[in-house]
C-alpha cells in the first residue's frame, strides 16, 4: 500500500492513520489532523495535543507490533482540538511503502 492508495480515506468522517515502528505518523487523514488541531504527519503522540495520553496510545501500538494481531479497544484522550474524546479504535499491522506499520481507524464516541 502507498499514500496514493490511501487518498480515498482522506475525506471520510472517521480517523485513519499509519504509524511506523518509531511511533511517527507517516500518513494521516484530514479527520485526525482536525482532532489534533494540526498536521500530525512526522510527529509522535508525545508531540501532539494529547501528549498526556501518549504512553497509553504507544502501548496499544506496541501490542499490535508484538502480536501481529488486530487490537480493538477504546482510547481516551484528555485533550484534543475538541476537548476530551473517547474513541472506538481498531489497530492492525499492514505494509505501507514496503515497511511494516501500524494502521489505525477510529470513531469518536458521542
Protein backbone atom coordinates (compact mmCIF):
# COMPACT_ATOMS: atom_id res chain seq x y z
CA UNK A 1 0.00 0.00 0.00
CA UNK A 2 1.16 3.56 -0.61
CA UNK A 3 -0.02 7.09 0.09
CA UNK A 4 -1.83 7.37 -3.24
CA UNK A 5 -3.95 4.33 -2.46
CA UNK A 6 -4.99 5.87 0.87
CA UNK A 7 -6.30 9.07 -0.70
CA UNK A 8 -9.77 7.51 -0.80
CA UNK A 9 -9.99 7.74 3.03
CA UNK A 10 -8.67 11.29 3.29
CA UNK A 11 -12.13 12.85 3.50
CA UNK A 12 -14.13 10.16 5.30
CA UNK A 13 -15.86 11.11 8.59
CA UNK A 14 -13.62 8.90 10.77
CA UNK A 15 -9.97 8.96 11.79
CA UNK A 16 -7.47 6.91 9.77
CA UNK A 17 -3.70 6.87 10.21
CA UNK A 18 -0.49 4.93 9.67
CA UNK A 19 2.42 4.90 12.15
CA UNK A 20 5.89 3.49 11.72
CA UNK A 21 7.62 1.37 14.36
CA UNK A 22 9.23 4.56 15.72
CA UNK A 23 5.69 5.75 16.53
CA UNK A 24 5.69 8.59 14.00
CA UNK A 25 2.59 9.22 11.96
CA UNK A 26 3.63 8.65 8.36
CA UNK A 27 0.16 9.14 6.91
CA UNK A 28 -3.00 10.64 8.38
CA UNK A 29 -6.35 11.68 7.03
CA UNK A 30 -7.99 15.07 7.42
CA UNK A 31 -10.16 13.98 10.37
CA UNK A 32 -7.30 13.00 12.70
CA UNK A 33 -5.48 16.23 11.81
CA UNK A 34 -8.64 18.16 12.70
CA UNK A 35 -8.83 16.36 16.06
CA UNK A 36 -5.18 17.26 16.72
CA UNK A 37 -5.65 20.82 15.51
CA UNK A 38 -2.59 20.40 13.26
CA UNK A 39 -0.96 18.11 10.70
CA UNK A 40 0.20 15.01 12.59
CA UNK A 41 2.45 13.56 9.87
CA UNK A 42 6.07 13.34 11.02
CA UNK A 43 5.09 13.66 14.68
CA UNK A 44 4.61 11.26 17.58
CA UNK A 45 1.73 11.31 20.05
CA UNK A 46 4.12 12.94 22.56
CA UNK A 47 4.33 15.97 20.25
CA UNK A 48 0.58 16.41 19.85
CA UNK A 49 -2.17 17.98 21.93
CA UNK A 50 -2.97 14.59 23.52
CA UNK A 51 0.62 14.14 24.80
CA UNK A 52 -0.51 13.27 28.33
CA UNK A 53 -2.19 10.16 26.90
CA UNK A 54 0.73 9.28 24.61
CA UNK A 55 2.08 6.42 26.73
CA UNK A 56 -1.22 4.51 26.67
CA UNK A 57 -1.53 5.09 22.91
CA UNK A 58 2.05 3.88 22.39
CA UNK A 59 1.48 0.71 24.43
CA UNK A 60 -1.52 -0.23 22.30
CA UNK A 61 0.55 0.28 19.13
CA UNK A 62 3.38 -1.85 20.54
CA UNK A 63 0.95 -4.69 21.37
CA UNK A 64 -0.03 -4.78 17.70
CA UNK A 65 3.60 -4.78 16.53
CA UNK A 66 4.46 -7.55 19.03
CA UNK A 67 1.46 -9.80 18.40
CA UNK A 68 0.83 -9.15 14.73
CA UNK A 69 -2.87 -9.36 15.58
CA UNK A 70 -5.52 -6.63 15.28
CA UNK A 71 -6.42 -4.86 18.53
CA UNK A 72 -9.91 -3.49 19.19
CA UNK A 73 -10.10 -1.03 22.06
CA UNK A 74 -11.41 2.21 23.48
CA UNK A 75 -8.89 5.02 23.77
CA UNK A 76 -9.42 8.21 25.72
CA UNK A 77 -7.64 11.48 25.05
CA UNK A 78 -7.92 14.22 27.65
CA UNK A 79 -7.01 16.97 25.21
CA UNK A 80 -7.84 17.42 21.56
CA UNK A 81 -8.92 20.36 19.46
CA UNK A 82 -12.44 19.42 20.61
CA UNK A 83 -11.73 18.71 24.30
CA UNK A 84 -11.93 15.25 25.85
CA UNK A 85 -12.79 12.44 23.46
CA UNK A 86 -13.29 8.69 23.70
CA UNK A 87 -12.53 6.74 20.56
CA UNK A 88 -13.53 3.27 19.39
CA UNK A 89 -10.32 2.05 17.74
CA UNK A 90 -9.03 -0.81 15.64
CA UNK A 91 -5.28 -1.11 15.05
CA UNK A 92 -3.60 -3.67 12.80
CA UNK A 93 -0.31 -4.36 11.03
CA UNK A 94 -0.01 -3.76 7.34
CA UNK A 95 2.53 -2.96 4.68
CA UNK A 96 2.99 0.71 3.83
CA UNK A 97 5.51 1.56 1.12
CA UNK A 98 7.50 -1.61 1.90
CA UNK A 99 7.54 -1.21 5.69
CA UNK A 100 5.50 -2.97 8.41
CA UNK A 101 3.38 -0.27 10.00
CA UNK A 102 0.55 0.08 12.46
CA UNK A 103 -2.65 1.18 10.75
CA UNK A 104 -5.47 2.65 12.79
CA UNK A 105 -9.07 3.55 12.28
CA UNK A 106 -11.30 5.12 14.90
CA UNK A 107 -14.59 6.81 15.50
CA UNK A 108 -15.34 9.42 18.15
CA UNK A 109 -17.95 8.08 20.56
CA UNK A 110 -20.55 10.77 21.03
